[in-house]
Amino acid sequence: MIQFDYAQAEPSGGGWEVYVGLRFQDEPDELYVARVRLSADGAVLAADLLFNGMDCRYEWRPGERDAVLQYVKEQHPELLP
């Protein structure tokens, strides 16, 4: 399970980068950041997990990536169709 903290959207190269602060249930004291890259029309180009600004090269577990995208859609409905 993921607990979300914030979602901050920034324009980037004609699209958007959305940074989502999150915590995993098994590591509640660690704050991770999911970086979601979106095209101008809302297509998801990438979803990476960062820790202390470094790419974790994380393999999303089933449902995790979808949960992040759903949170982005709830926080910034104008960015995702």
PDB file of N, CA and C in Angstrom:
ATOM      1  N   MET A   1       0.843  -1.185   0.000  1.00  0.00           N
ATOM      2  CA  MET A   1       0.000   0.000   0.000  1.00  0.00           C
ATOM      3  C   MET A   1       0.886   1.246   0.000  1.00  0.00           C
ATOM      4  N   ILE A   2       0.417   2.281  -0.665  1.00  0.00           N
ATOM      5  CA  ILE A   2       1.158   3.532  -0.777  1.00  0.00           C
ATOM      6  C   ILE A   2       0.369   4.651  -0.109  1.00  0.00           C
ATOM      7  N   GLN A   3       1.066   5.469   0.650  1.00  0.00           N
ATOM      8  CA  GLN A   3       0.476   6.671   1.239  1.00  0.00           C
ATOM      9  C   GLN A   3       1.039   7.861   0.475  1.00  0.00           C
ATOM     10  N   PHE A   4       0.153   8.684  -0.075  1.00  0.00           N
ATOM     11  CA  PHE A   4       0.587   9.831  -0.866  1.00  0.00           C
ATOM     12  C   PHE A   4       0.653  11.084  -0.012  1.00  0.00           C
ATOM     13  N   ASP A   5       1.614  11.943  -0.356  1.00  0.00           N
ATOM     14  CA  ASP A   5       1.856  13.153   0.413  1.00  0.00           C
ATOM     15  C   ASP A   5       1.532  14.415  -0.395  1.00  0.00           C
ATOM     16  N   TYR A   6       1.966  14.470  -1.635  1.00  0.00           N
ATOM     17  CA  TYR A   6       1.747  15.657  -2.461  1.00  0.00           C
ATOM     18  C   TYR A   6       1.918  15.300  -3.931  1.00  0.00           C
ATOM     19  N   ALA A   7       1.440  16.189  -4.801  1.00  0.00           N
ATOM     20  CA  ALA A   7       1.673  16.072  -6.243  1.00  0.00           C
ATOM     21  C   ALA A   7       1.917  17.479  -6.780  1.00  0.00           C
ATOM     22  N   GLN A   8       3.105  17.698  -7.314  1.00  0.00           N
ATOM     23  CA  GLN A   8       3.500  19.004  -7.829  1.00  0.00           C
ATOM     24  C   GLN A   8       3.780  18.875  -9.322  1.00  0.00           C
ATOM     25  N   ALA A   9       3.087  19.666 -10.140  1.00  0.00           N
ATOM     26  CA  ALA A   9       3.242  19.613 -11.590  1.00  0.00           C
ATOM     27  C   ALA A   9       4.068  20.792 -12.082  1.00  0.00           C
ATOM     28  N   GLU A  10       4.980  20.505 -13.021  1.00  0.00           N
ATOM     29  CA  GLU A  10       5.820  21.537 -13.624  1.00  0.00           C
ATOM     30  C   GLU A  10       5.851  21.335 -15.133  1.00  0.00           C
ATOM     31  N   PRO A  11       5.731  22.426 -15.913  1.00  0.00           N
ATOM     32  CA  PRO A  11       5.860  22.284 -17.361  1.00  0.00           C
ATOM     33  C   PRO A  11       7.270  21.823 -17.726  1.00  0.00           C
ATOM     34  N   SER A  12       7.347  20.981 -18.769  1.00  0.00           N
ATOM     35  CA  SER A  12       8.645  20.454 -19.177  1.00  0.00           C
ATOM     36  C   SER A  12       8.615  20.062 -20.651  1.00  0.00           C
ATOM     37  N   GLY A  13       9.336  20.790 -21.469  1.00  0.00           N
ATOM     38  CA  GLY A  13       9.488  20.432 -22.872  1.00  0.00           C
ATOM     39  C   GLY A  13       8.191  20.246 -23.630  1.00  0.00           C
ATOM     40  N   GLY A  14       7.214  21.068 -23.407  1.00  0.00           N
ATOM     41  CA  GLY A  14       5.940  20.953 -24.096  1.00  0.00           C
ATOM     42  C   GLY A  14       4.972  20.008 -23.409  1.00  0.00           C
ATOM     43  N   GLY A  15       5.418  19.318 -22.386  1.00  0.00           N
ATOM     44  CA  GLY A  15       4.564  18.420 -21.612  1.00  0.00           C
ATOM     45  C   GLY A  15       4.630  18.799 -20.151  1.00  0.00           C
ATOM     46  N   TRP A  16       4.565  17.793 -19.304  1.00  0.00           N
ATOM     47  CA  TRP A  16       4.572  18.029 -17.860  1.00  0.00           C
ATOM     48  C   TRP A  16       5.415  16.988 -17.149  1.00  0.00           C
ATOM     49  N   GLU A  17       5.999  17.388 -16.033  1.00  0.00           N
ATOM     50  CA  GLU A  17       6.584  16.458 -15.076  1.00  0.00           C
ATOM     51  C   GLU A  17       5.818  16.671 -13.778  1.00  0.00           C
ATOM     52  N   VAL A  18       5.330  15.573 -13.234  1.00  0.00           N
ATOM     53  CA  VAL A  18       4.599  15.629 -11.978  1.00  0.00           C
ATOM     54  C   VAL A  18       5.409  14.848 -10.950  1.00  0.00           C
ATOM     55  N   TYR A  19       5.687  15.480  -9.837  1.00  0.00           N
ATOM     56  CA  TYR A  19       6.440  14.869  -8.752  1.00  0.00           C
ATOM     57  C   TYR A  19       5.463  14.526  -7.634  1.00  0.00           C
ATOM     58  N   VAL A  20       5.421  13.252  -7.270  1.00  0.00           N
ATOM     59  CA  VAL A  20       4.474  12.758  -6.276  1.00  0.00           C
ATOM     60  C   VAL A  20       5.254  12.231  -5.080  1.00  0.00           C
ATOM     61  N   GLY A  21       5.069  12.857  -3.919  1.00  0.00           N
ATOM     62  CA  GLY A  21       5.686  12.367  -2.696  1.00  0.00           C
ATOM     63  C   GLY A  21       4.888  11.184  -2.169  1.00  0.00           C
ATOM     64  N   LEU A  22       5.586  10.115  -1.810  1.00  0.00           N
ATOM     65  CA  LEU A  22       4.882   8.919  -1.349  1.00  0.00           C
ATOM     66  C   LEU A  22       5.712   8.130  -0.350  1.00  0.00           C
ATOM     67  N   ARG A  23       5.005   7.317   0.404  1.00  0.00           N
ATOM     68  CA  ARG A  23       5.633   6.418   1.371  1.00  0.00           C
ATOM     69  C   ARG A  23       5.048   5.026   1.157  1.00  0.00           C
ATOM     70  N   PHE A  24       5.918   4.029   1.212  1.00  0.00           N
ATOM     71  CA  PHE A  24       5.473   2.644   1.125  1.00  0.00           C
ATOM     72  C   PHE A  24       5.163   2.140   2.523  1.00  0.00           C
ATOM     73  N   GLN A  25       4.181   1.261   2.621  1.00  0.00           N
ATOM     74  CA  GLN A  25       3.760   0.736   3.918  1.00  0.00           C
ATOM     75  C   GLN A  25       4.908   0.057   4.653  1.00  0.00           C
ATOM     76  N   ASP A  26       5.777  -0.639   3.911  1.00  0.00           N
ATOM     77  CA  ASP A  26       6.867  -1.357   4.577  1.00  0.00           C
ATOM     78  C   ASP A  26       8.065  -0.466   4.908  1.00  0.00           C
ATOM     79  N   GLU A  27       8.023   0.816   4.480  1.00  0.00           N
ATOM     80  CA  GLU A  27       9.076   1.782   4.816  1.00  0.00           C
ATOM     81  C   GLU A  27       8.431   3.133   5.140  1.00  0.00           C
ATOM     82  N   PRO A  28       7.641   3.210   6.216  1.00  0.00           N
ATOM     83  CA  PRO A  28       6.866   4.421   6.489  1.00  0.00           C
ATOM     84  C   PRO A  28       7.701   5.660   6.823  1.00  0.00           C
ATOM     85  N   ASP A  29       8.957   5.481   7.188  1.00  0.00           N
ATOM     86  CA  ASP A  29       9.788   6.627   7.544  1.00  0.00           C
ATOM     87  C   ASP A  29      10.543   7.227   6.367  1.00  0.00           C
ATOM     88  N   GLU A  30      10.473   6.580   5.206  1.00  0.00           N
ATOM     89  CA  GLU A  30      11.212   7.034   4.030  1.00  0.00           C
ATOM     90  C   GLU A  30      10.268   7.707   3.036  1.00  0.00           C
ATOM     91  N   LEU A  31      10.626   8.919   2.594  1.00  0.00           N
ATOM     92  CA  LEU A  31       9.837   9.632   1.596  1.00  0.00           C
ATOM     93  C   LEU A  31      10.477   9.431   0.229  1.00  0.00           C
ATOM     94  N   TYR A  32       9.730   8.832  -0.660  1.00  0.00           N
ATOM     95  CA  TYR A  32      10.147   8.645  -2.048  1.00  0.00           C
ATOM     96  C   TYR A  32       9.415   9.656  -2.911  1.00  0.00           C
ATOM     97  N   VAL A  33       9.888   9.836  -4.124  1.00  0.00           N
ATOM     98  CA  VAL A  33       9.226  10.717  -5.081  1.00  0.00           C
ATOM     99  C   VAL A  33       9.065   9.955  -6.389  1.00  0.00           C
ATOM    100  N   ALA A  34       7.826   9.875  -6.853  1.00  0.00           N
ATOM    101  CA  ALA A  34       7.568   9.330  -8.182  1.00  0.00           C
ATOM    102  C   ALA A  34       7.588  10.502  -9.147  1.00  0.00           C
ATOM    103  N   ARG A  35       8.355  10.364 -10.232  1.00  0.00           N
ATOM    104  CA  ARG A  35       8.393  11.390 -11.277  1.00  0.00           C
ATOM    105  C   ARG A  35       7.635  10.837 -12.467  1.00  0.00           C
ATOM    106  N   VAL A  36       6.511  11.488 -12.778  1.00  0.00           N
ATOM    107  CA  VAL A  36       5.666  11.062 -13.894  1.00  0.00           C
ATOM    108  C   VAL A  36       5.829  12.080 -15.010  1.00  0.00           C
ATOM    109  N   ARG A  37       6.259  11.595 -16.170  1.00  0.00           N
ATOM    110  CA  ARG A  37       6.422  12.469 -17.334  1.00  0.00           C
ATOM    111  C   ARG A  37       5.228  12.281 -18.261  1.00  0.00           C
ATOM    112  N   LEU A  38       4.607  13.412 -18.604  1.00  0.00           N
ATOM    113  CA  LEU A  38       3.413  13.403 -19.444  1.00  0.00           C
ATOM    114  C   LEU A  38       3.638  14.226 -20.694  1.00  0.00           C
ATOM    115  N   SER A  39       3.077  13.777 -21.810  1.00  0.00           N
ATOM    116  CA  SER A  39       3.091  14.584 -23.025  1.00  0.00           C
ATOM    117  C   SER A  39       2.029  15.674 -22.878  1.00  0.00           C
ATOM    118  N   ALA A  40       2.009  16.598 -23.818  1.00  0.00           N
ATOM    119  CA  ALA A  40       1.053  17.703 -23.757  1.00  0.00           C
ATOM    120  C   ALA A  40      -0.395  17.208 -23.811  1.00  0.00           C
ATOM    121  N   ASP A  41      -0.620  16.057 -24.460  1.00  0.00           N
ATOM    122  CA  ASP A  41      -1.978  15.521 -24.559  1.00  0.00           C
ATOM    123  C   ASP A  41      -2.315  14.546 -23.420  1.00  0.00           C
ATOM    124  N   GLY A  42      -1.429  14.404 -22.439  1.00  0.00           N
ATOM    125  CA  GLY A  42      -1.701  13.593 -21.266  1.00  0.00           C
ATOM    126  C   GLY A  42      -1.244  12.152 -21.336  1.00  0.00           C
ATOM    127  N   ALA A  43      -0.536  11.784 -22.395  1.00  0.00           N
ATOM    128  CA  ALA A  43      -0.013  10.416 -22.473  1.00  0.00           C
ATOM    129  C   ALA A  43       1.139  10.258 -21.481  1.00  0.00           C
ATOM    130  N   VAL A  44       1.167   9.131 -20.794  1.00  0.00           N
ATOM    131  CA  VAL A  44       2.231   8.859 -19.828  1.00  0.00           C
ATOM    132  C   VAL A  44       3.461   8.385 -20.581  1.00  0.00           C
ATOM    133  N   LEU A  45       4.539   9.140 -20.479  1.00  0.00           N
ATOM    134  CA  LEU A  45       5.784   8.806 -21.154  1.00  0.00           C
ATOM    135  C   LEU A  45       6.696   7.969 -20.260  1.00  0.00           C
ATOM    136  N   ALA A  46       6.669   8.222 -18.956  1.00  0.00           N
ATOM    137  CA  ALA A  46       7.520   7.486 -18.019  1.00  0.00           C
ATOM    138  C   ALA A  46       7.013   7.713 -16.606  1.00  0.00           C
ATOM    139  N   ALA A  47       7.326   6.763 -15.741  1.00  0.00           N
ATOM    140  CA  ALA A  47       7.031   6.890 -14.312  1.00  0.00           C
ATOM    141  C   ALA A  47       8.198   6.254 -13.566  1.00  0.00           C
ATOM    142  N   ASP A  48       9.021   7.096 -12.961  1.00  0.00           N
ATOM    143  CA  ASP A  48      10.224   6.646 -12.271  1.00  0.00           C
ATOM    144  C   ASP A  48      10.082   6.886 -10.778  1.00  0.00           C
ATOM    145  N   LEU A  49      10.823   6.137  -9.995  1.00  0.00           N
ATOM    146  CA  LEU A  49      10.847   6.336  -8.559  1.00  0.00           C
ATOM    147  C   LEU A  49      12.203   6.892  -8.164  1.00  0.00           C
ATOM    148  N   LEU A  50      12.191   7.986  -7.397  1.00  0.00           N
ATOM    149  CA  LEU A  50      13.415   8.647  -6.964  1.00  0.00           C
ATOM    150  C   LEU A  50      13.526   8.590  -5.441  1.00  0.00           C
ATOM    151  N   PHE A  51      14.755   8.514  -4.968  1.00  0.00           N
ATOM    152  CA  PHE A  51      15.032   8.623  -3.538  1.00  0.00           C
ATOM    153  C   PHE A  51      16.243   9.525  -3.404  1.00  0.00           C
ATOM    154  N   ASN A  52      16.091  10.602  -2.651  1.00  0.00           N
ATOM    155  CA  ASN A  52      17.148  11.614  -2.522  1.00  0.00           C
ATOM    156  C   ASN A  52      17.616  12.100  -3.896  1.00  0.00           C
ATOM    157  N   GLY A  53      16.671  12.240  -4.821  1.00  0.00           N
ATOM    158  CA  GLY A  53      16.979  12.759  -6.147  1.00  0.00           C
ATOM    159  C   GLY A  53      17.598  11.756  -7.106  1.00  0.00           C
ATOM    160  N   MET A  54      17.827  10.541  -6.657  1.00  0.00           N
ATOM    161  CA  MET A  54      18.459   9.515  -7.497  1.00  0.00           C
ATOM    162  C   MET A  54      17.407   8.529  -7.989  1.00  0.00           C
ATOM    163  N   ASP A  55      17.537   8.121  -9.253  1.00  0.00           N
ATOM    164  CA  ASP A  55      16.628   7.137  -9.826  1.00  0.00           C
ATOM    165  C   ASP A  55      16.866   5.782  -9.166  1.00  0.00           C
ATOM    166  N   CYS A  56      15.818   5.197  -8.623  1.00  0.00           N
ATOM    167  CA  CYS A  56      15.932   3.902  -7.947  1.00  0.00           C
ATOM    168  C   CYS A  56      15.917   2.724  -8.928  1.00  0.00           C
ATOM    169  N   ARG A  57      15.566   3.003 -10.185  1.00  0.00           N
ATOM    170  CA  ARG A  57      15.391   1.926 -11.178  1.00  0.00           C
ATOM    171  C   ARG A  57      14.440   0.866 -10.631  1.00  0.00           C
ATOM    172  N   TYR A  58      13.388   1.364 -10.043  1.00  0.00           N
ATOM    173  CA  TYR A  58      12.412   0.530  -9.349  1.00  0.00           C
ATOM    174  C   TYR A  58      11.490  -0.157 -10.335  1.00  0.00           C
ATOM    175  N   GLU A  59      11.238  -1.425 -10.105  1.00  0.00           N
ATOM    176  CA  GLU A  59      10.240  -2.177 -10.866  1.00  0.00           C
ATOM    177  C   GLU A  59       8.924  -2.081 -10.087  1.00  0.00           C
ATOM    178  N   TRP A  60       7.964  -1.328 -10.650  1.00  0.00           N
ATOM    179  CA  TRP A  60       6.690  -1.144  -9.971  1.00  0.00           C
ATOM    180  C   TRP A  60       6.014  -2.492  -9.753  1.00  0.00           C
ATOM    181  N   ARG A  61       5.479  -2.702  -8.566  1.00  0.00           N
ATOM    182  CA  ARG A  61       4.689  -3.896  -8.269  1.00  0.00           C
ATOM    183  C   ARG A  61       3.306  -3.718  -8.893  1.00  0.00           C
ATOM    184  N   PRO A  62       2.600  -4.822  -9.106  1.00  0.00           N
ATOM    185  CA  PRO A  62       1.252  -4.707  -9.694  1.00  0.00           C
ATOM    186  C   PRO A  62       0.385  -3.719  -8.912  1.00  0.00           C
ATOM    187  N   GLY A  63      -0.191  -2.787  -9.621  1.00  0.00           N
ATOM    188  CA  GLY A  63      -1.092  -1.806  -9.034  1.00  0.00           C
ATOM    189  C   GLY A  63      -0.440  -0.533  -8.526  1.00  0.00           C
ATOM    190  N   GLU A  64       0.862  -0.550  -8.261  1.00  0.00           N
ATOM    191  CA  GLU A  64       1.514   0.641  -7.709  1.00  0.00           C
ATOM    192  C   GLU A  64       1.552   1.788  -8.710  1.00  0.00           C
ATOM    193  N   ARG A  65       1.999   1.510  -9.917  1.00  0.00           N
ATOM    194  CA  ARG A  65       2.080   2.563 -10.943  1.00  0.00           C
ATOM    195  C   ARG A  65       0.682   3.131 -11.212  1.00  0.00           C
ATOM    196  N   ASP A  66      -0.304   2.248 -11.306  1.00  0.00           N
ATOM    197  CA  ASP A  66      -1.675   2.703 -11.532  1.00  0.00           C
ATOM    198  C   ASP A  66      -2.167   3.575 -10.383  1.00  0.00           C
ATOM    199  N   ALA A  67      -1.795   3.230  -9.154  1.00  0.00           N
ATOM    200  CA  ALA A  67      -2.196   4.035  -7.995  1.00  0.00           C
ATOM    201  C   ALA A  67      -1.571   5.428  -8.056  1.00  0.00           C
ATOM    202  N   VAL A  68      -0.310   5.505  -8.481  1.00  0.00           N
ATOM    203  CA  VAL A  68       0.360   6.805  -8.629  1.00  0.00           C
ATOM    204  C   VAL A  68      -0.352   7.635  -9.696  1.00  0.00           C
ATOM    205  N   LEU A  69      -0.656   7.019 -10.828  1.00  0.00           N
ATOM    206  CA  LEU A  69      -1.331   7.750 -11.904  1.00  0.00           C
ATOM    207  C   LEU A  69      -2.733   8.192 -11.491  1.00  0.00           C
ATOM    208  N   GLN A  70      -3.431   7.372 -10.732  1.00  0.00           N
ATOM    209  CA  GLN A  70      -4.754   7.754 -10.240  1.00  0.00           C
ATOM    210  C   GLN A  70      -4.650   8.949  -9.299  1.00  0.00           C
ATOM    211  N   TYR A  71      -3.636   8.970  -8.453  1.00  0.00           N
ATOM    212  CA  TYR A  71      -3.431  10.104  -7.546  1.00  0.00           C
ATOM    213  C   TYR A  71      -3.130  11.376  -8.343  1.00  0.00           C
ATOM    214  N   VAL A  72      -2.297  11.257  -9.380  1.00  0.00           N
ATOM    215  CA  VAL A  72      -2.014  12.416 -10.232  1.00  0.00           C
ATOM    216  C   VAL A  72      -3.311  12.921 -10.858  1.00  0.00           C
ATOM    217  N   LYS A  73      -4.124  11.998 -11.347  1.00  0.00           N
ATOM    218  CA  LYS A  73      -5.397  12.385 -11.978  1.00  0.00           C
ATOM    219  C   LYS A  73      -6.325  13.084 -10.994  1.00  0.00           C
ATOM    220  N   GLU A  74      -6.335  12.625  -9.736  1.00  0.00           N
ATOM    221  CA  GLU A  74      -7.167  13.269  -8.716  1.00  0.00           C
ATOM    222  C   GLU A  74      -6.656  14.660  -8.364  1.00  0.00           C
ATOM    223  N   GLN A  75      -5.331  14.823  -8.287  1.00  0.00           N
ATOM    224  CA  GLN A  75      -4.747  16.090  -7.878  1.00  0.00           C
ATOM    225  C   GLN A  75      -4.653  17.097  -9.019  1.00  0.00           C
ATOM    226  N   HIS A  76      -4.467  16.597 -10.230  1.00  0.00           N
ATOM    227  CA  HIS A  76      -4.307  17.465 -11.410  1.00  0.00           C
ATOM    228  C   HIS A  76      -5.130  16.903 -12.574  1.00  0.00           C
ATOM    229  N   PRO A  77      -6.457  16.968 -12.457  1.00  0.00           N
ATOM    230  CA  PRO A  77      -7.323  16.376 -13.487  1.00  0.00           C
ATOM    231  C   PRO A  77      -7.147  16.992 -14.876  1.00  0.00           C
ATOM    232  N   GLU A  78      -6.614  18.181 -14.927  1.00  0.00           N
ATOM    233  CA  GLU A  78      -6.403  18.847 -16.215  1.00  0.00           C
ATOM    234  C   GLU A  78      -5.251  18.222 -17.011  1.00  0.00           C
ATOM    235  N   LEU A  79      -4.411  17.424 -16.372  1.00  0.00           N
ATOM    236  CA  LEU A  79      -3.236  16.879 -17.045  1.00  0.00           C
ATOM    237  C   LEU A  79      -3.460  15.502 -17.653  1.00  0.00           C
ATOM    238  N   LEU A  80      -4.316  14.702 -17.046  1.00  0.00           N
ATOM    239  CA  LEU A  80      -4.578  13.344 -17.540  1.00  0.00           C
ATOM    240  C   LEU A  80      -6.020  13.245 -18.032  1.00  0.00           C
ATOM    241  N   PRO A  81      -6.205  12.660 -19.197  1.00  0.00           N
ATOM    242  CA  PRO A  81      -7.588  12.523 -19.730  1.00  0.00           C
ATOM    243  C   PRO A  81      -8.409  11.518 -18.948  1.00  0.00           C
TER     244      PRO A  81
END
